[in-house]
Amino acid sequence: MTYSTVALSKRFEHRYKFYANIYNILKKDFEDVTVFLDTGCFNTLIPRLLAKQWGRSLGFKMNYSLGGSLIEAEAFSIDKIMIADVVLERVVAFAGDYKGGHEDDIILGTNVINNWEMIISKKEHTFQFRENPTDSLPNKANIYQNYFNKEGNYICIQDRQ
């Protein structure tokens, strides 16, 4: 399996931002978004204003700590996110009103990142990834479907065959 390559943006202050596409279920088309790779964030976060256009509510809310602030976040299943030529489907993300340098970004947490084998090149300002790397990754099967529920339990959603 080969790697997909994504150019990290030189426009942004933070070196781990890049452009991707997310499927808008209301418009039935992909839209450009800014994504921030955050290995310190377990769950993927999206701005609340955009969540209803991009996905479906999973029916619960929780308080989430982000950048030293506590925000109320609602769990959503995002239909599709396209990064390079890879489409991730039904990504679980938490929608909230967060402020600061990332308030318009999708914050891609380790529930998605851990499903990849990645090489980040500061010299070339790119990252390369393989969505389904070797079996050495923990729980690599559909890891981006997993999340913590409001009771703090780890939930693993697997596709039905």
C-alpha atoms as a PDB file:
ATOM      1  CA  MET A   1       0.000   0.000   0.000  1.00  0.00           C
ATOM      2  CA  THR A   2       1.310   3.452  -0.864  1.00  0.00           C
ATOM      3  CA  TYR A   3       1.246   6.648   1.141  1.00  0.00           C
ATOM      4  CA  SER A   4      -1.058   9.600   0.409  1.00  0.00           C
ATOM      5  CA  THR A   5       0.660  12.990   0.649  1.00  0.00           C
ATOM      6  CA  VAL A   6      -0.896  16.157   2.059  1.00  0.00           C
ATOM      7  CA  ALA A   7       0.740  19.578   1.922  1.00  0.00           C
ATOM      8  CA  LEU A   8       0.843  21.272   5.302  1.00  0.00           C
ATOM      9  CA  SER A   9      -0.102  24.916   4.944  1.00  0.00           C
ATOM     10  CA  LYS A  10       2.624  27.522   5.052  1.00  0.00           C
ATOM     11  CA  ARG A  11      -0.129  30.159   5.312  1.00  0.00           C
ATOM     12  CA  PHE A  12      -1.027  29.235   8.834  1.00  0.00           C
ATOM     13  CA  GLU A  13       0.862  30.028  12.011  1.00  0.00           C
ATOM     14  CA  HIS A  14       0.748  26.417  13.159  1.00  0.00           C
ATOM     15  CA  ARG A  15       2.638  23.910  11.037  1.00  0.00           C
ATOM     16  CA  TYR A  16       0.118  21.073  11.389  1.00  0.00           C
ATOM     17  CA  LYS A  17      -2.795  22.698   9.577  1.00  0.00           C
ATOM     18  CA  PHE A  18      -3.882  21.618   6.121  1.00  0.00           C
ATOM     19  CA  TYR A  19      -6.846  21.697   3.785  1.00  0.00           C
ATOM     20  CA  ALA A  20      -9.348  18.857   3.400  1.00  0.00           C
ATOM     21  CA  ASN A  21     -12.939  18.397   2.247  1.00  0.00           C
ATOM     22  CA  ILE A  22     -15.987  17.529   4.286  1.00  0.00           C
ATOM     23  CA  TYR A  23     -19.312  16.337   2.923  1.00  0.00           C
ATOM     24  CA  ASN A  24     -22.225  18.719   3.462  1.00  0.00           C
ATOM     25  CA  ILE A  25     -25.319  16.513   3.789  1.00  0.00           C
ATOM     26  CA  LEU A  26     -27.661  19.466   3.115  1.00  0.00           C
ATOM     27  CA  LYS A  27     -25.936  20.524  -0.137  1.00  0.00           C
ATOM     28  CA  LYS A  28     -24.930  16.944  -1.075  1.00  0.00           C
ATOM     29  CA  ASP A  29     -21.439  18.123  -2.001  1.00  0.00           C
ATOM     30  CA  PHE A  30     -17.960  18.450  -0.482  1.00  0.00           C
ATOM     31  CA  GLU A  31     -16.746  21.767   1.013  1.00  0.00           C
ATOM     32  CA  ASP A  32     -13.191  22.949   1.718  1.00  0.00           C
ATOM     33  CA  VAL A  33     -12.215  23.038   5.390  1.00  0.00           C
ATOM     34  CA  THR A  34      -9.134  23.706   7.465  1.00  0.00           C
ATOM     35  CA  VAL A  35      -7.948  20.771   9.574  1.00  0.00           C
ATOM     36  CA  PHE A  36      -5.531  20.856  12.506  1.00  0.00           C
ATOM     37  CA  LEU A  37      -3.720  17.652  13.525  1.00  0.00           C
ATOM     38  CA  ASP A  38      -3.789  17.547  17.329  1.00  0.00           C
ATOM     39  CA  THR A  39      -2.161  14.491  18.881  1.00  0.00           C
ATOM     40  CA  GLY A  40      -3.045  15.833  22.346  1.00  0.00           C
ATOM     41  CA  CYS A  41      -6.789  15.742  21.649  1.00  0.00           C
ATOM     42  CA  PHE A  42      -8.433  12.311  21.874  1.00  0.00           C
ATOM     43  CA  ASN A  43     -11.745  13.098  20.159  1.00  0.00           C
ATOM     44  CA  THR A  44     -12.123  14.984  16.885  1.00  0.00           C
ATOM     45  CA  LEU A  45     -13.821  18.389  17.361  1.00  0.00           C
ATOM     46  CA  ILE A  46     -15.800  20.505  14.893  1.00  0.00           C
ATOM     47  CA  PRO A  47     -17.456  23.928  15.200  1.00  0.00           C
ATOM     48  CA  ARG A  48     -21.056  23.569  16.409  1.00  0.00           C
ATOM     49  CA  LEU A  49     -22.415  25.877  13.677  1.00  0.00           C
ATOM     50  CA  LEU A  50     -21.269  23.449  10.982  1.00  0.00           C
ATOM     51  CA  ALA A  51     -22.081  20.141  12.665  1.00  0.00           C
ATOM     52  CA  LYS A  52     -25.704  19.955  11.516  1.00  0.00           C
ATOM     53  CA  GLN A  53     -24.674  20.526   7.890  1.00  0.00           C
ATOM     54  CA  TRP A  54     -22.028  17.816   8.009  1.00  0.00           C
ATOM     55  CA  GLY A  55     -23.466  15.023  10.114  1.00  0.00           C
ATOM     56  CA  ARG A  56     -26.072  13.535  12.373  1.00  0.00           C
ATOM     57  CA  SER A  57     -26.398  13.931  16.126  1.00  0.00           C
ATOM     58  CA  LEU A  58     -25.616  10.856  18.224  1.00  0.00           C
ATOM     59  CA  GLY A  59     -27.989  12.153  20.872  1.00  0.00           C
ATOM     60  CA  PHE A  60     -25.842  13.162  23.832  1.00  0.00           C
ATOM     61  CA  LYS A  61     -23.816  16.097  25.153  1.00  0.00           C
ATOM     62  CA  MET A  62     -20.816  16.250  27.448  1.00  0.00           C
ATOM     63  CA  ASN A  63     -18.403  18.809  28.858  1.00  0.00           C
ATOM     64  CA  TYR A  64     -15.087  18.757  27.032  1.00  0.00           C
ATOM     65  CA  SER A  65     -11.799  20.360  28.065  1.00  0.00           C
ATOM     66  CA  LEU A  66     -10.143  22.274  25.213  1.00  0.00           C
ATOM     67  CA  GLY A  67      -7.189  24.610  25.587  1.00  0.00           C
ATOM     68  CA  GLY A  68      -7.775  25.111  29.293  1.00  0.00           C
ATOM     69  CA  SER A  69     -11.480  25.905  28.794  1.00  0.00           C
ATOM     70  CA  LEU A  70     -14.494  23.709  29.437  1.00  0.00           C
ATOM     71  CA  ILE A  71     -17.014  23.621  26.572  1.00  0.00           C
ATOM     72  CA  GLU A  72     -20.292  21.788  26.112  1.00  0.00           C
ATOM     73  CA  ALA A  73     -19.954  19.443  23.140  1.00  0.00           C
ATOM     74  CA  GLU A  74     -22.487  17.285  21.324  1.00  0.00           C
ATOM     75  CA  ALA A  75     -21.508  14.020  19.639  1.00  0.00           C
ATOM     76  CA  PHE A  76     -22.067  13.824  15.878  1.00  0.00           C
ATOM     77  CA  SER A  77     -21.415  11.206  13.237  1.00  0.00           C
ATOM     78  CA  ILE A  78     -19.829  13.079  10.318  1.00  0.00           C
ATOM     79  CA  ASP A  79     -20.754  11.443   7.020  1.00  0.00           C
ATOM     80  CA  LYS A  80     -17.505  11.892   5.073  1.00  0.00           C
ATOM     81  CA  ILE A  81     -14.155  13.654   5.406  1.00  0.00           C
ATOM     82  CA  MET A  82     -11.800  13.537   2.403  1.00  0.00           C
ATOM     83  CA  ILE A  83      -8.090  13.949   3.111  1.00  0.00           C
ATOM     84  CA  ALA A  84      -5.989  13.739  -0.064  1.00  0.00           C
ATOM     85  CA  ASP A  85      -7.552  10.818  -1.942  1.00  0.00           C
ATOM     86  CA  VAL A  86      -8.787   8.976   1.174  1.00  0.00           C
ATOM     87  CA  VAL A  87     -12.426   9.254   2.274  1.00  0.00           C
ATOM     88  CA  LEU A  88     -13.184   8.548   5.947  1.00  0.00           C
ATOM     89  CA  GLU A  89     -16.843   7.742   6.567  1.00  0.00           C
ATOM     90  CA  ARG A  90     -18.979   8.148   9.691  1.00  0.00           C
ATOM     91  CA  VAL A  91     -16.267   9.839  11.734  1.00  0.00           C
ATOM     92  CA  VAL A  92     -17.393  10.470  15.322  1.00  0.00           C
ATOM     93  CA  ALA A  93     -16.704  14.084  16.286  1.00  0.00           C
ATOM     94  CA  PHE A  94     -17.795  16.414  19.070  1.00  0.00           C
ATOM     95  CA  ALA A  95     -19.337  19.748  18.076  1.00  0.00           C
ATOM     96  CA  GLY A  96     -18.842  22.753  20.301  1.00  0.00           C
ATOM     97  CA  ASP A  97     -18.361  26.510  20.421  1.00  0.00           C
ATOM     98  CA  TYR A  98     -14.642  26.883  20.942  1.00  0.00           C
ATOM     99  CA  LYS A  99     -12.588  30.041  20.706  1.00  0.00           C
ATOM    100  CA  GLY A 100      -9.020  30.992  19.941  1.00  0.00           C
ATOM    101  CA  GLY A 101      -6.758  30.226  17.011  1.00  0.00           C
ATOM    102  CA  HIS A 102      -8.693  27.140  15.969  1.00  0.00           C
ATOM    103  CA  GLU A 103     -12.318  28.291  16.247  1.00  0.00           C
ATOM    104  CA  ASP A 104     -13.025  27.651  12.532  1.00  0.00           C
ATOM    105  CA  ASP A 105     -10.988  24.457  12.261  1.00  0.00           C
ATOM    106  CA  ILE A 106     -11.777  20.804  12.465  1.00  0.00           C
ATOM    107  CA  ILE A 107      -9.473  19.545  15.203  1.00  0.00           C
ATOM    108  CA  LEU A 108      -8.501  16.051  14.128  1.00  0.00           C
ATOM    109  CA  GLY A 109      -7.924  14.051  17.290  1.00  0.00           C
ATOM    110  CA  THR A 110      -6.196  10.775  17.920  1.00  0.00           C
ATOM    111  CA  ASN A 111      -9.422   8.812  17.373  1.00  0.00           C
ATOM    112  CA  VAL A 112      -8.681   9.432  13.664  1.00  0.00           C
ATOM    113  CA  ILE A 113      -4.908   9.993  13.674  1.00  0.00           C
ATOM    114  CA  ASN A 114      -4.188   6.663  15.407  1.00  0.00           C
ATOM    115  CA  ASN A 115      -5.640   4.851  12.406  1.00  0.00           C
ATOM    116  CA  TRP A 116      -2.762   6.089  10.247  1.00  0.00           C
ATOM    117  CA  GLU A 117       0.902   5.448   9.839  1.00  0.00           C
ATOM    118  CA  MET A 118       2.266   8.974   9.321  1.00  0.00           C
ATOM    119  CA  ILE A 119       5.499  10.614   8.261  1.00  0.00           C
ATOM    120  CA  ILE A 120       5.695  14.377   8.841  1.00  0.00           C
ATOM    121  CA  SER A 121       8.392  16.234   6.905  1.00  0.00           C
ATOM    122  CA  LYS A 122       9.241  19.687   8.233  1.00  0.00           C
ATOM    123  CA  LYS A 123      11.688  20.202   5.371  1.00  0.00           C
ATOM    124  CA  GLU A 124       9.141  19.488   2.622  1.00  0.00           C
ATOM    125  CA  HIS A 125       6.224  20.815   4.698  1.00  0.00           C
ATOM    126  CA  THR A 126       4.093  17.721   4.040  1.00  0.00           C
ATOM    127  CA  PHE A 127       2.780  14.700   5.814  1.00  0.00           C
ATOM    128  CA  GLN A 128       2.326  11.292   4.290  1.00  0.00           C
ATOM    129  CA  PHE A 129      -0.053   8.697   5.624  1.00  0.00           C
ATOM    130  CA  ARG A 130      -1.450   5.256   5.001  1.00  0.00           C
ATOM    131  CA  GLU A 131      -4.982   4.759   6.239  1.00  0.00           C
ATOM    132  CA  ASN A 132      -4.668   1.015   6.820  1.00  0.00           C
ATOM    133  CA  PRO A 133      -1.108   0.378   7.906  1.00  0.00           C
ATOM    134  CA  THR A 134       0.268  -2.807   9.387  1.00  0.00           C
ATOM    135  CA  ASP A 135      -1.493  -4.649  12.196  1.00  0.00           C
ATOM    136  CA  SER A 136       0.864  -3.082  14.750  1.00  0.00           C
ATOM    137  CA  LEU A 137      -1.492  -0.150  15.402  1.00  0.00           C
ATOM    138  CA  PRO A 138      -3.856  -0.603  18.355  1.00  0.00           C
ATOM    139  CA  ASN A 139      -7.407  -1.435  17.289  1.00  0.00           C
ATOM    140  CA  LYS A 140      -6.769  -0.300  13.711  1.00  0.00           C
ATOM    141  CA  ALA A 141     -10.131  -1.596  12.467  1.00  0.00           C
ATOM    142  CA  ASN A 142     -12.309   1.504  12.099  1.00  0.00           C
ATOM    143  CA  ILE A 143     -10.620   3.315  14.996  1.00  0.00           C
ATOM    144  CA  TYR A 144     -12.133   6.602  13.799  1.00  0.00           C
ATOM    145  CA  GLN A 145     -15.537   5.206  14.756  1.00  0.00           C
ATOM    146  CA  ASN A 146     -14.574   5.107  18.449  1.00  0.00           C
ATOM    147  CA  TYR A 147     -15.258   7.722  21.143  1.00  0.00           C
ATOM    148  CA  PHE A 148     -15.987   8.284  24.830  1.00  0.00           C
ATOM    149  CA  ASN A 149     -19.695   8.553  25.717  1.00  0.00           C
ATOM    150  CA  LYS A 150     -21.212  10.826  28.373  1.00  0.00           C
ATOM    151  CA  GLU A 151     -20.659   8.204  31.083  1.00  0.00           C
ATOM    152  CA  GLY A 152     -16.943   8.134  30.211  1.00  0.00           C
ATOM    153  CA  ASN A 153     -17.100   4.663  28.648  1.00  0.00           C
ATOM    154  CA  TYR A 154     -15.076   3.918  25.534  1.00  0.00           C
ATOM    155  CA  ILE A 155     -17.471   3.061  22.700  1.00  0.00           C
ATOM    156  CA  CYS A 156     -16.329   1.117  19.652  1.00  0.00           C
ATOM    157  CA  ILE A 157     -18.664   1.245  16.642  1.00  0.00           C
ATOM    158  CA  GLN A 158     -17.919  -1.375  14.014  1.00  0.00           C
ATOM    159  CA  ASP A 159     -19.491  -1.609  10.569  1.00  0.00           C
ATOM    160  CA  ARG A 160     -21.962  -4.423  10.124  1.00  0.00           C
ATOM    161  CA  GLN A 161     -20.885  -6.922   7.498  1.00  0.00           C
END
